[in-house]
Amino acid sequence: MLSTSTGAAHAAILGVGAYRPSIVVPNSELVEAIDSSDEWIQQRSGIKQRRFATPEESVQMMSVACAREALEAAGIEADQVDAVIVATVSHMMQTPAVAPLIATELGCDHPVAFDISAACAGFCHGVGLASDMIRSGSARYALVIGVERLSDILDRTDRGTAFIFADGAGAVVVGPSETPGIGPVVWGSDGEQYDLIRQREDWRDVVAVGSTAMPPLTMQGSSVFRWASFTMAKVGTEAIERAGITPDDLDVFVPHQANMRITDAMARSMKLPERVKIARDVAEQGNTSAASVPLALHRMIQEGDAVSGDLALLIAFGAGLAYAAQVVVLP
């Protein structure tokens, strides 16, 4: 009979970190290229400005910066980390993954390190994986990073996406806990709607015509809005139920920062109490895909809207169409 390993009884988020790129881009700098206005962008998305990375602010650099803050907040040294999970769609090498480079720069001691490609849902996927790894005994401490440089794959003339996507990185340390700190993950995908959010061309098609341009992101905004507003509310409700709580028990709601109207629609559909604090980082940061949930959570903690011990619902959704949600206890 094979032996199996067992780990901690429970897992929890122990620390949160963030990195926001240095270039602030207000709506006024984008409107001419898409024949739009600041008012139209804010009404449609809630976005006032976003952050774009400089050439020096690479996926690796931003990841290391936010990871160091998360490790410090958790009181964990890098050489204690057994797993580095990086959620991203904008590390521009198909292979190898960026995670081993990040782990080495941080000073981790030969951890398992890998990237996951679940677009905007990637961070919540990573938290689910990390929790399972710690409870199964395959890792004691895991670093989960969501990072994007979506400015590299933006069509600045596309009226449907140019004002939405942005850059940034966020991280959490997940480790053992004496009490439950991460509820069951509710995740899945809907491949029938695969084309709603995607890169415009296959890389092979780009090479075949001799182009040097990266295939930009495209999105069918109205269809994504309808799907996310209602389907994701059901996923959030299931995550709450599987955690053994009710909406009245929640303190904080941290949805993927896709669109302010989607956030409001989900909150209404889930009948969240008015006292629940809701992350609205999208207004200042834009949609940073896999980085959006940890960035939004970090802002809430920094501004005092979320405090240690709060129950928070995390939910993310995006290309694939992929989604994931879980209830967590904040560190």
C-alpha atoms as a PDB file:
ATOM      1  CA  MET A   1       0.000   0.000   0.000  1.00  0.00           C
ATOM      2  CA  LEU A   2       1.258   3.469  -0.876  1.00  0.00           C
ATOM      3  CA  SER A   3       1.885   5.949   1.881  1.00  0.00           C
ATOM      4  CA  THR A   4       0.177   9.339   1.671  1.00  0.00           C
ATOM      5  CA  SER A   5       1.091  12.639   3.283  1.00  0.00           C
ATOM      6  CA  THR A   6      -1.069  14.820   5.461  1.00  0.00           C
ATOM      7  CA  GLY A   7      -0.559  18.470   6.219  1.00  0.00           C
ATOM      8  CA  ALA A   8      -2.095  21.153   8.368  1.00  0.00           C
ATOM      9  CA  ALA A   9      -5.678  20.813   9.479  1.00  0.00           C
ATOM     10  CA  HIS A  10      -6.462  24.218   8.031  1.00  0.00           C
ATOM     11  CA  ALA A  11      -4.922  26.876   5.786  1.00  0.00           C
ATOM     12  CA  ALA A  12      -5.169  30.662   5.866  1.00  0.00           C
ATOM     13  CA  ILE A  13      -3.894  33.805   4.194  1.00  0.00           C
ATOM     14  CA  LEU A  14      -1.092  35.124   6.402  1.00  0.00           C
ATOM     15  CA  GLY A  15       0.005  38.268   4.553  1.00  0.00           C
ATOM     16  CA  VAL A  16      -0.852  40.469   1.571  1.00  0.00           C
ATOM     17  CA  GLY A  17       1.409  42.541  -0.696  1.00  0.00           C
ATOM     18  CA  ALA A  18       0.943  44.756  -3.754  1.00  0.00           C
ATOM     19  CA  TYR A  19       2.863  46.612  -6.439  1.00  0.00           C
ATOM     20  CA  ARG A  20       1.303  49.429  -8.438  1.00  0.00           C
ATOM     21  CA  PRO A  21       3.263  50.603 -11.516  1.00  0.00           C
ATOM     22  CA  SER A  22       4.492  54.169 -11.621  1.00  0.00           C
ATOM     23  CA  ILE A  23       2.722  55.516 -14.732  1.00  0.00           C
ATOM     24  CA  VAL A  24      -0.735  56.899 -13.936  1.00  0.00           C
ATOM     25  CA  VAL A  25      -2.893  57.171 -17.062  1.00  0.00           C
ATOM     26  CA  PRO A  26      -6.116  59.199 -16.730  1.00  0.00           C
ATOM     27  CA  ASN A  27      -8.987  58.670 -19.131  1.00  0.00           C
ATOM     28  CA  SER A  28      -8.151  61.963 -20.845  1.00  0.00           C
ATOM     29  CA  GLU A  29      -4.997  60.411 -22.322  1.00  0.00           C
ATOM     30  CA  LEU A  30      -6.932  57.601 -24.048  1.00  0.00           C
ATOM     31  CA  VAL A  31     -10.132  59.189 -25.310  1.00  0.00           C
ATOM     32  CA  GLU A  32      -8.881  60.682 -28.575  1.00  0.00           C
ATOM     33  CA  ALA A  33      -7.656  57.354 -29.975  1.00  0.00           C
ATOM     34  CA  ILE A  34     -11.011  55.665 -29.286  1.00  0.00           C
ATOM     35  CA  ASP A  35     -13.288  58.644 -30.082  1.00  0.00           C
ATOM     36  CA  SER A  36     -14.682  58.656 -26.561  1.00  0.00           C
ATOM     37  CA  SER A  37     -14.861  60.825 -23.433  1.00  0.00           C
ATOM     38  CA  ASP A  38     -13.973  60.639 -19.766  1.00  0.00           C
ATOM     39  CA  GLU A  39     -17.674  60.743 -18.914  1.00  0.00           C
ATOM     40  CA  TRP A  40     -18.485  57.802 -21.229  1.00  0.00           C
ATOM     41  CA  ILE A  41     -15.674  55.663 -19.795  1.00  0.00           C
ATOM     42  CA  GLN A  42     -16.694  56.346 -16.205  1.00  0.00           C
ATOM     43  CA  GLN A  43     -20.364  55.633 -16.915  1.00  0.00           C
ATOM     44  CA  ARG A  44     -19.529  52.398 -18.700  1.00  0.00           C
ATOM     45  CA  SER A  45     -16.874  51.027 -16.351  1.00  0.00           C
ATOM     46  CA  GLY A  46     -16.348  53.232 -13.302  1.00  0.00           C
ATOM     47  CA  ILE A  47     -12.699  53.688 -14.300  1.00  0.00           C
ATOM     48  CA  LYS A  48     -11.131  57.115 -13.774  1.00  0.00           C
ATOM     49  CA  GLN A  49      -7.509  56.153 -14.332  1.00  0.00           C
ATOM     50  CA  ARG A  50      -5.252  53.118 -14.580  1.00  0.00           C
ATOM     51  CA  ARG A  51      -1.597  52.181 -14.094  1.00  0.00           C
ATOM     52  CA  PHE A  52       0.821  51.201 -16.882  1.00  0.00           C
ATOM     53  CA  ALA A  53       4.267  49.754 -16.258  1.00  0.00           C
ATOM     54  CA  THR A  54       7.523  51.288 -17.408  1.00  0.00           C
ATOM     55  CA  PRO A  55       9.960  49.095 -19.370  1.00  0.00           C
ATOM     56  CA  GLU A  56      11.807  48.437 -16.095  1.00  0.00           C
ATOM     57  CA  GLU A  57       8.635  47.285 -14.321  1.00  0.00           C
ATOM     58  CA  SER A  58       8.610  43.770 -15.730  1.00  0.00           C
ATOM     59  CA  VAL A  59       6.349  40.891 -14.724  1.00  0.00           C
ATOM     60  CA  GLN A  60       9.225  39.489 -12.669  1.00  0.00           C
ATOM     61  CA  MET A  61      10.150  42.798 -11.030  1.00  0.00           C
ATOM     62  CA  MET A  62       6.560  43.601  -9.986  1.00  0.00           C
ATOM     63  CA  SER A  63       6.052  40.054  -8.709  1.00  0.00           C
ATOM     64  CA  VAL A  64       9.176  40.133  -6.546  1.00  0.00           C
ATOM     65  CA  ALA A  65       8.204  43.519  -5.090  1.00  0.00           C
ATOM     66  CA  CYS A  66       4.698  42.501  -4.041  1.00  0.00           C
ATOM     67  CA  ALA A  67       5.896  39.091  -2.835  1.00  0.00           C
ATOM     68  CA  ARG A  68       8.452  40.679  -0.505  1.00  0.00           C
ATOM     69  CA  GLU A  69       5.744  42.817   1.077  1.00  0.00           C
ATOM     70  CA  ALA A  70       3.470  39.785   1.520  1.00  0.00           C
ATOM     71  CA  LEU A  71       6.283  37.769   3.121  1.00  0.00           C
ATOM     72  CA  GLU A  72       7.093  40.609   5.505  1.00  0.00           C
ATOM     73  CA  ALA A  73       3.423  41.000   6.438  1.00  0.00           C
ATOM     74  CA  ALA A  74       3.190  37.247   7.104  1.00  0.00           C
ATOM     75  CA  GLY A  75       6.416  37.144   9.124  1.00  0.00           C
ATOM     76  CA  ILE A  76       7.761  34.427   6.827  1.00  0.00           C
ATOM     77  CA  GLU A  77      11.246  34.199   5.307  1.00  0.00           C
ATOM     78  CA  ALA A  78      11.589  33.381   1.612  1.00  0.00           C
ATOM     79  CA  ASP A  79      13.488  30.157   2.337  1.00  0.00           C
ATOM     80  CA  GLN A  80      10.433  28.845   4.208  1.00  0.00           C
ATOM     81  CA  VAL A  81       8.296  28.986   1.050  1.00  0.00           C
ATOM     82  CA  ASP A  82       7.686  25.557  -0.498  1.00  0.00           C
ATOM     83  CA  ALA A  83       5.524  26.669  -3.446  1.00  0.00           C
ATOM     84  CA  VAL A  84       5.424  29.719  -5.720  1.00  0.00           C
ATOM     85  CA  ILE A  85       2.281  29.945  -7.858  1.00  0.00           C
ATOM     86  CA  VAL A  86       2.117  32.772 -10.404  1.00  0.00           C
ATOM     87  CA  ALA A  87      -1.139  33.628 -12.165  1.00  0.00           C
ATOM     88  CA  THR A  88      -0.543  35.615 -15.348  1.00  0.00           C
ATOM     89  CA  VAL A  89      -1.347  35.795 -19.054  1.00  0.00           C
ATOM     90  CA  SER A  90       1.241  38.460 -19.868  1.00  0.00           C
ATOM     91  CA  HIS A  91       4.565  36.734 -19.265  1.00  0.00           C
ATOM     92  CA  MET A  92       5.520  36.730 -22.920  1.00  0.00           C
ATOM     93  CA  MET A  93       7.456  33.476 -22.967  1.00  0.00           C
ATOM     94  CA  GLN A  94       5.429  30.343 -23.544  1.00  0.00           C
ATOM     95  CA  THR A  95       8.114  28.464 -21.638  1.00  0.00           C
ATOM     96  CA  PRO A  96       9.778  28.427 -19.187  1.00  0.00           C
ATOM     97  CA  ALA A  97       7.447  29.847 -16.574  1.00  0.00           C
ATOM     98  CA  VAL A  98       8.355  33.048 -14.770  1.00  0.00           C
ATOM     99  CA  ALA A  99       7.676  31.502 -11.337  1.00  0.00           C
ATOM    100  CA  PRO A 100      11.116  29.811 -10.972  1.00  0.00           C
ATOM    101  CA  LEU A 101      12.862  33.110 -11.748  1.00  0.00           C
ATOM    102  CA  ILE A 102      10.758  34.908  -9.147  1.00  0.00           C
ATOM    103  CA  ALA A 103      11.456  32.193  -6.568  1.00  0.00           C
ATOM    104  CA  THR A 104      15.204  32.398  -7.172  1.00  0.00           C
ATOM    105  CA  GLU A 105      15.309  36.189  -6.921  1.00  0.00           C
ATOM    106  CA  LEU A 106      13.345  36.058  -3.674  1.00  0.00           C
ATOM    107  CA  GLY A 107      15.774  33.530  -2.194  1.00  0.00           C
ATOM    108  CA  CYS A 108      13.390  30.593  -1.906  1.00  0.00           C
ATOM    109  CA  ASP A 109      14.994  27.184  -1.320  1.00  0.00           C
ATOM    110  CA  HIS A 110      14.143  25.135  -4.452  1.00  0.00           C
ATOM    111  CA  PRO A 111      10.345  25.363  -4.128  1.00  0.00           C
ATOM    112  CA  VAL A 112       7.865  23.960  -6.606  1.00  0.00           C
ATOM    113  CA  ALA A 113       7.264  26.953  -8.876  1.00  0.00           C
ATOM    114  CA  PHE A 114       4.838  27.208 -11.772  1.00  0.00           C
ATOM    115  CA  ASP A 115       2.593  29.586 -13.706  1.00  0.00           C
ATOM    116  CA  ILE A 116      -1.136  29.123 -14.201  1.00  0.00           C
ATOM    117  CA  SER A 117      -3.098  30.591 -17.094  1.00  0.00           C
ATOM    118  CA  ALA A 118      -6.655  31.245 -15.987  1.00  0.00           C
ATOM    119  CA  ALA A 119      -6.730  34.920 -16.961  1.00  0.00           C
ATOM    120  CA  CYS A 120      -8.637  37.143 -14.525  1.00  0.00           C
ATOM    121  CA  ALA A 121      -9.627  34.120 -12.410  1.00  0.00           C
ATOM    122  CA  GLY A 122      -6.032  32.982 -11.970  1.00  0.00           C
ATOM    123  CA  PHE A 123      -5.363  34.426  -8.525  1.00  0.00           C
ATOM    124  CA  CYS A 124      -8.404  32.764  -6.937  1.00  0.00           C
ATOM    125  CA  HIS A 125      -7.384  29.511  -8.642  1.00  0.00           C
ATOM    126  CA  GLY A 126      -3.958  29.930  -7.051  1.00  0.00           C
ATOM    127  CA  VAL A 127      -5.411  30.467  -3.577  1.00  0.00           C
ATOM    128  CA  GLY A 128      -7.501  27.318  -3.982  1.00  0.00           C
ATOM    129  CA  LEU A 129      -4.478  25.312  -5.087  1.00  0.00           C
ATOM    130  CA  ALA A 130      -2.297  26.668  -2.272  1.00  0.00           C
ATOM    131  CA  SER A 131      -4.903  25.837   0.363  1.00  0.00           C
ATOM    132  CA  ASP A 132      -5.196  22.265  -0.917  1.00  0.00           C
ATOM    133  CA  MET A 133      -1.395  21.860  -1.038  1.00  0.00           C
ATOM    134  CA  ILE A 134      -0.960  22.966   2.555  1.00  0.00           C
ATOM    135  CA  ARG A 135      -3.742  20.764   3.865  1.00  0.00           C
ATOM    136  CA  SER A 136      -2.501  17.758   1.899  1.00  0.00           C
ATOM    137  CA  GLY A 137       1.065  18.167   3.139  1.00  0.00           C
ATOM    138  CA  SER A 138       2.712  18.917  -0.217  1.00  0.00           C
ATOM    139  CA  ALA A 139       3.687  22.408   1.004  1.00  0.00           C
ATOM    140  CA  ARG A 140       3.843  24.238   4.309  1.00  0.00           C
ATOM    141  CA  TYR A 141       3.939  27.806   3.007  1.00  0.00           C
ATOM    142  CA  ALA A 142       2.871  28.920  -0.468  1.00  0.00           C
ATOM    143  CA  LEU A 143       3.261  32.243  -2.219  1.00  0.00           C
ATOM    144  CA  VAL A 144       0.444  33.096  -4.631  1.00  0.00           C
ATOM    145  CA  ILE A 145       1.060  35.967  -7.044  1.00  0.00           C
ATOM    146  CA  GLY A 146      -1.270  37.590  -9.559  1.00  0.00           C
ATOM    147  CA  VAL A 147       0.628  39.780 -12.023  1.00  0.00           C
ATOM    148  CA  GLU A 148      -0.053  41.388 -15.400  1.00  0.00           C
ATOM    149  CA  ARG A 149       1.448  43.766 -17.975  1.00  0.00           C
ATOM    150  CA  LEU A 150      -1.635  43.975 -20.150  1.00  0.00           C
ATOM    151  CA  SER A 151      -0.450  47.251 -21.659  1.00  0.00           C
ATOM    152  CA  ASP A 152       1.851  45.066 -23.778  1.00  0.00           C
ATOM    153  CA  ILE A 153      -1.114  43.410 -25.509  1.00  0.00           C
ATOM    154  CA  LEU A 154      -3.534  46.318 -25.766  1.00  0.00           C
ATOM    155  CA  ASP A 155      -4.862  47.793 -28.995  1.00  0.00           C
ATOM    156  CA  ARG A 156      -4.931  51.462 -27.985  1.00  0.00           C
ATOM    157  CA  THR A 157      -7.524  52.133 -30.726  1.00  0.00           C
ATOM    158  CA  ASP A 158      -9.993  49.407 -29.661  1.00  0.00           C
ATOM    159  CA  ARG A 159     -12.990  51.198 -28.125  1.00  0.00           C
ATOM    160  CA  GLY A 160     -14.015  48.068 -26.244  1.00  0.00           C
ATOM    161  CA  THR A 161     -10.748  47.352 -24.417  1.00  0.00           C
ATOM    162  CA  ALA A 162      -8.278  50.261 -24.598  1.00  0.00           C
ATOM    163  CA  PHE A 163      -9.643  51.982 -21.490  1.00  0.00           C
ATOM    164  CA  ILE A 164     -10.176  48.807 -19.434  1.00  0.00           C
ATOM    165  CA  PHE A 165      -6.967  46.848 -19.002  1.00  0.00           C
ATOM    166  CA  ALA A 166      -3.913  47.828 -16.959  1.00  0.00           C
ATOM    167  CA  ASP A 167      -0.808  46.570 -15.145  1.00  0.00           C
ATOM    168  CA  GLY A 168       0.091  45.592 -11.591  1.00  0.00           C
ATOM    169  CA  ALA A 169       0.843  42.770  -9.172  1.00  0.00           C
ATOM    170  CA  GLY A 170      -0.475  41.436  -5.886  1.00  0.00           C
ATOM    171  CA  ALA A 171       0.511  38.517  -3.675  1.00  0.00           C
ATOM    172  CA  VAL A 172      -0.525  36.555  -0.615  1.00  0.00           C
ATOM    173  CA  VAL A 173       1.272  34.063   1.607  1.00  0.00           C
ATOM    174  CA  VAL A 174      -0.841  31.014   2.409  1.00  0.00           C
ATOM    175  CA  GLY A 175       0.156  28.819   5.324  1.00  0.00           C
ATOM    176  CA  PRO A 176      -1.056  26.517   8.109  1.00  0.00           C
ATOM    177  CA  SER A 177      -3.685  27.683  10.556  1.00  0.00           C
ATOM    178  CA  GLU A 178      -5.214  26.339  13.760  1.00  0.00           C
ATOM    179  CA  THR A 179      -8.652  27.421  12.568  1.00  0.00           C
ATOM    180  CA  PRO A 180     -10.279  27.426   9.097  1.00  0.00           C
ATOM    181  CA  GLY A 181      -9.039  30.434   7.119  1.00  0.00           C
ATOM    182  CA  ILE A 182      -9.896  29.547   3.510  1.00  0.00           C
ATOM    183  CA  GLY A 183     -13.271  28.106   2.594  1.00  0.00           C
ATOM    184  CA  PRO A 184     -13.945  25.567  -0.166  1.00  0.00           C
ATOM    185  CA  VAL A 185     -13.206  26.888  -3.633  1.00  0.00           C
ATOM    186  CA  VAL A 186     -16.034  26.994  -6.160  1.00  0.00           C
ATOM    187  CA  TRP A 187     -14.523  26.995  -9.627  1.00  0.00           C
ATOM    188  CA  GLY A 188     -15.222  25.998 -13.190  1.00  0.00           C
ATOM    189  CA  SER A 189     -15.289  27.120 -16.803  1.00  0.00           C
ATOM    190  CA  ASP A 190     -17.635  27.650 -19.735  1.00  0.00           C
ATOM    191  CA  GLY A 191     -15.754  26.795 -22.913  1.00  0.00           C
ATOM    192  CA  GLU A 192     -18.833  27.387 -25.048  1.00  0.00           C
ATOM    193  CA  GLN A 193     -18.146  31.100 -24.536  1.00  0.00           C
ATOM    194  CA  TYR A 194     -14.410  30.814 -25.162  1.00  0.00           C
ATOM    195  CA  ASP A 195     -14.407  33.575 -27.792  1.00  0.00           C
ATOM    196  CA  LEU A 196     -15.881  36.312 -25.598  1.00  0.00           C
ATOM    197  CA  ILE A 197     -12.451  37.354 -24.270  1.00  0.00           C
ATOM    198  CA  ARG A 198      -9.353  36.355 -26.196  1.00  0.00           C
ATOM    199  CA  GLN A 199      -6.272  37.483 -28.048  1.00  0.00           C
ATOM    200  CA  ARG A 200      -7.260  38.514 -31.547  1.00  0.00           C
ATOM    201  CA  GLU A 201      -4.982  36.103 -33.427  1.00  0.00           C
ATOM    202  CA  ASP A 202      -3.160  32.860 -32.861  1.00  0.00           C
ATOM    203  CA  TRP A 203       0.609  33.487 -32.626  1.00  0.00           C
ATOM    204  CA  ARG A 204       1.108  31.128 -35.593  1.00  0.00           C
ATOM    205  CA  ASP A 205      -1.104  33.321 -37.744  1.00  0.00           C
ATOM    206  CA  VAL A 206       0.900  36.397 -36.755  1.00  0.00           C
ATOM    207  CA  VAL A 207       4.173  34.710 -37.679  1.00  0.00           C
ATOM    208  CA  ALA A 208       2.722  33.421 -40.954  1.00  0.00           C
ATOM    209  CA  VAL A 209       2.046  36.954 -42.219  1.00  0.00           C
ATOM    210  CA  GLY A 210       5.375  38.292 -40.982  1.00  0.00           C
ATOM    211  CA  SER A 211       3.898  40.667 -38.430  1.00  0.00           C
ATOM    212  CA  THR A 212       5.926  41.896 -35.465  1.00  0.00           C
ATOM    213  CA  ALA A 213       2.887  43.095 -33.507  1.00  0.00           C
ATOM    214  CA  MET A 214       1.644  41.160 -30.505  1.00  0.00           C
ATOM    215  CA  PRO A 215      -1.925  39.842 -30.869  1.00  0.00           C
ATOM    216  CA  PRO A 216      -4.032  42.263 -28.801  1.00  0.00           C
ATOM    217  CA  LEU A 217      -6.828  41.422 -26.412  1.00  0.00           C
ATOM    218  CA  THR A 218     -10.409  41.612 -27.667  1.00  0.00           C
ATOM    219  CA  MET A 219     -13.639  41.364 -25.717  1.00  0.00           C
ATOM    220  CA  GLN A 220     -17.353  41.172 -26.447  1.00  0.00           C
ATOM    221  CA  GLY A 221     -18.215  43.517 -23.617  1.00  0.00           C
ATOM    222  CA  SER A 222     -22.012  43.258 -23.568  1.00  0.00           C
ATOM    223  CA  SER A 223     -21.973  39.466 -23.521  1.00  0.00           C
ATOM    224  CA  VAL A 224     -19.328  39.367 -20.801  1.00  0.00           C
ATOM    225  CA  PHE A 225     -21.335  41.857 -18.729  1.00  0.00           C
ATOM    226  CA  ARG A 226     -24.488  39.729 -18.894  1.00  0.00           C
ATOM    227  CA  TRP A 227     -22.630  36.514 -18.078  1.00  0.00           C
ATOM    228  CA  ALA A 228     -20.605  37.924 -15.197  1.00  0.00           C
ATOM    229  CA  SER A 229     -23.389  39.943 -13.593  1.00  0.00           C
ATOM    230  CA  PHE A 230     -25.726  37.010 -13.125  1.00  0.00           C
ATOM    231  CA  THR A 231     -23.794  33.743 -13.437  1.00  0.00           C
ATOM    232  CA  MET A 232     -21.057  34.906 -11.080  1.00  0.00           C
ATOM    233  CA  ALA A 233     -23.583  35.934  -8.443  1.00  0.00           C
ATOM    234  CA  LYS A 234     -24.650  32.279  -8.306  1.00  0.00           C
ATOM    235  CA  VAL A 235     -21.008  31.206  -7.936  1.00  0.00           C
ATOM    236  CA  GLY A 236     -20.512  33.697  -5.112  1.00  0.00           C
ATOM    237  CA  THR A 237     -23.637  32.480  -3.347  1.00  0.00           C
ATOM    238  CA  GLU A 238     -22.422  28.883  -3.624  1.00  0.00           C
ATOM    239  CA  ALA A 239     -19.022  29.826  -2.176  1.00  0.00           C
ATOM    240  CA  ILE A 240     -20.775  31.471   0.793  1.00  0.00           C
ATOM    241  CA  GLU A 241     -22.970  28.415   1.351  1.00  0.00           C
ATOM    242  CA  ARG A 242     -20.058  25.967   1.060  1.00  0.00           C
ATOM    243  CA  ALA A 243     -18.158  27.999   3.643  1.00  0.00           C
ATOM    244  CA  GLY A 244     -21.029  27.362   6.051  1.00  0.00           C
ATOM    245  CA  ILE A 245     -21.998  31.005   6.449  1.00  0.00           C
ATOM    246  CA  THR A 246     -24.670  33.386   5.167  1.00  0.00           C
ATOM    247  CA  PRO A 247     -24.369  36.771   3.423  1.00  0.00           C
ATOM    248  CA  ASP A 248     -25.094  38.376   6.796  1.00  0.00           C
ATOM    249  CA  ASP A 249     -21.838  36.934   8.125  1.00  0.00           C
ATOM    250  CA  LEU A 250     -19.695  38.603   5.450  1.00  0.00           C
ATOM    251  CA  ASP A 251     -17.698  41.730   6.194  1.00  0.00           C
ATOM    252  CA  VAL A 252     -15.964  42.323   2.859  1.00  0.00           C
ATOM    253  CA  PHE A 253     -16.634  41.574  -0.813  1.00  0.00           C
ATOM    254  CA  VAL A 254     -13.599  41.562  -3.129  1.00  0.00           C
ATOM    255  CA  PRO A 255     -14.684  40.788  -6.683  1.00  0.00           C
ATOM    256  CA  HIS A 256     -12.465  40.829  -9.752  1.00  0.00           C
ATOM    257  CA  GLN A 257     -12.114  44.496 -10.685  1.00  0.00           C
ATOM    258  CA  ALA A 258     -13.602  44.213 -14.154  1.00  0.00           C
ATOM    259  CA  ASN A 259     -16.272  46.855 -14.141  1.00  0.00           C
ATOM    260  CA  MET A 260     -18.072  48.818 -11.431  1.00  0.00           C
ATOM    261  CA  ARG A 261     -21.481  47.987 -12.900  1.00  0.00           C
ATOM    262  CA  ILE A 262     -20.725  44.247 -12.760  1.00  0.00           C
ATOM    263  CA  THR A 263     -19.673  44.596  -9.118  1.00  0.00           C
ATOM    264  CA  ASP A 264     -22.911  46.391  -8.235  1.00  0.00           C
ATOM    265  CA  ALA A 265     -25.033  43.835 -10.110  1.00  0.00           C
ATOM    266  CA  MET A 266     -23.386  40.922  -8.287  1.00  0.00           C
ATOM    267  CA  ALA A 267     -23.829  42.562  -4.888  1.00  0.00           C
ATOM    268  CA  ARG A 268     -27.527  43.122  -5.589  1.00  0.00           C
ATOM    269  CA  SER A 269     -28.078  39.590  -6.885  1.00  0.00           C
ATOM    270  CA  MET A 270     -26.374  38.060  -3.823  1.00  0.00           C
ATOM    271  CA  LYS A 271     -28.397  40.367  -1.536  1.00  0.00           C
ATOM    272  CA  LEU A 272     -25.329  41.476   0.367  1.00  0.00           C
ATOM    273  CA  PRO A 273     -26.123  43.632   3.419  1.00  0.00           C
ATOM    274  CA  GLU A 274     -25.383  47.334   3.010  1.00  0.00           C
ATOM    275  CA  ARG A 275     -22.762  47.175   5.773  1.00  0.00           C
ATOM    276  CA  VAL A 276     -20.551  44.837   3.685  1.00  0.00           C
ATOM    277  CA  LYS A 277     -17.548  46.785   2.392  1.00  0.00           C
ATOM    278  CA  ILE A 278     -17.052  46.351  -1.363  1.00  0.00           C
ATOM    279  CA  ALA A 279     -13.723  46.695  -3.196  1.00  0.00           C
ATOM    280  CA  ARG A 280     -13.775  49.366  -5.902  1.00  0.00           C
ATOM    281  CA  ASP A 281     -10.106  49.517  -6.828  1.00  0.00           C
ATOM    282  CA  VAL A 282     -11.010  49.479 -10.529  1.00  0.00           C
ATOM    283  CA  ALA A 283     -11.692  53.230 -10.384  1.00  0.00           C
ATOM    284  CA  GLU A 284      -8.024  54.043  -9.751  1.00  0.00           C
ATOM    285  CA  GLN A 285      -6.236  50.960 -11.047  1.00  0.00           C
ATOM    286  CA  GLY A 286      -8.215  49.662 -14.029  1.00  0.00           C
ATOM    287  CA  ASN A 287      -8.710  45.980 -14.757  1.00  0.00           C
ATOM    288  CA  THR A 288      -5.465  44.170 -13.988  1.00  0.00           C
ATOM    289  CA  SER A 289      -6.788  40.659 -14.684  1.00  0.00           C
ATOM    290  CA  ALA A 290      -5.055  38.136 -12.387  1.00  0.00           C
ATOM    291  CA  ALA A 291      -3.677  40.946 -10.204  1.00  0.00           C
ATOM    292  CA  SER A 292      -6.983  42.677  -9.559  1.00  0.00           C
ATOM    293  CA  VAL A 293      -8.239  40.739  -6.517  1.00  0.00           C
ATOM    294  CA  PRO A 294      -5.026  40.949  -4.435  1.00  0.00           C
ATOM    295  CA  LEU A 295      -4.524  44.605  -5.420  1.00  0.00           C
ATOM    296  CA  ALA A 296      -8.076  45.456  -4.387  1.00  0.00           C
ATOM    297  CA  LEU A 297      -7.752  43.495  -1.141  1.00  0.00           C
ATOM    298  CA  HIS A 298      -4.470  45.231  -0.322  1.00  0.00           C
ATOM    299  CA  ARG A 299      -6.020  48.669  -0.843  1.00  0.00           C
ATOM    300  CA  MET A 300      -8.934  47.824   1.461  1.00  0.00           C
ATOM    301  CA  ILE A 301      -6.546  46.687   4.197  1.00  0.00           C
ATOM    302  CA  GLN A 302      -4.345  49.763   3.780  1.00  0.00           C
ATOM    303  CA  GLU A 303      -7.320  52.133   3.922  1.00  0.00           C
ATOM    304  CA  GLY A 304      -8.944  50.387   6.897  1.00  0.00           C
ATOM    305  CA  ASP A 305     -12.014  49.118   5.032  1.00  0.00           C
ATOM    306  CA  ALA A 306     -10.926  45.550   5.820  1.00  0.00           C
ATOM    307  CA  VAL A 307      -9.393  44.446   9.119  1.00  0.00           C
ATOM    308  CA  SER A 308      -7.857  41.301  10.550  1.00  0.00           C
ATOM    309  CA  GLY A 309     -10.454  38.619  11.199  1.00  0.00           C
ATOM    310  CA  ASP A 310     -12.962  39.907   8.656  1.00  0.00           C
ATOM    311  CA  LEU A 311     -14.730  37.360   6.475  1.00  0.00           C
ATOM    312  CA  ALA A 312     -14.194  38.225   2.822  1.00  0.00           C
ATOM    313  CA  LEU A 313     -15.696  36.745  -0.326  1.00  0.00           C
ATOM    314  CA  LEU A 314     -13.164  36.639  -3.169  1.00  0.00           C
ATOM    315  CA  ILE A 315     -14.484  35.996  -6.666  1.00  0.00           C
ATOM    316  CA  ALA A 316     -12.837  36.290 -10.066  1.00  0.00           C
ATOM    317  CA  PHE A 317     -13.847  35.521 -13.647  1.00  0.00           C
ATOM    318  CA  GLY A 318     -12.495  36.054 -17.115  1.00  0.00           C
ATOM    319  CA  ALA A 319     -11.247  34.557 -20.356  1.00  0.00           C
ATOM    320  CA  GLY A 320     -11.928  30.899 -20.852  1.00  0.00           C
ATOM    321  CA  LEU A 321     -14.516  31.603 -19.541  1.00  0.00           C
ATOM    322  CA  ALA A 322     -12.950  30.642 -16.198  1.00  0.00           C
ATOM    323  CA  TYR A 323     -14.086  31.491 -12.679  1.00  0.00           C
ATOM    324  CA  ALA A 324     -13.271  30.798  -9.027  1.00  0.00           C
ATOM    325  CA  ALA A 325     -14.481  32.000  -5.643  1.00  0.00           C
ATOM    326  CA  GLN A 326     -13.837  31.348  -1.962  1.00  0.00           C
ATOM    327  CA  VAL A 327     -14.512  32.889   1.434  1.00  0.00           C
ATOM    328  CA  VAL A 328     -11.380  33.737   3.441  1.00  0.00           C
ATOM    329  CA  VAL A 329     -10.529  35.109   6.869  1.00  0.00           C
ATOM    330  CA  LEU A 330      -8.368  38.204   6.472  1.00  0.00           C
ATOM    331  CA  PRO A 331      -4.941  38.241   8.138  1.00  0.00           C
END
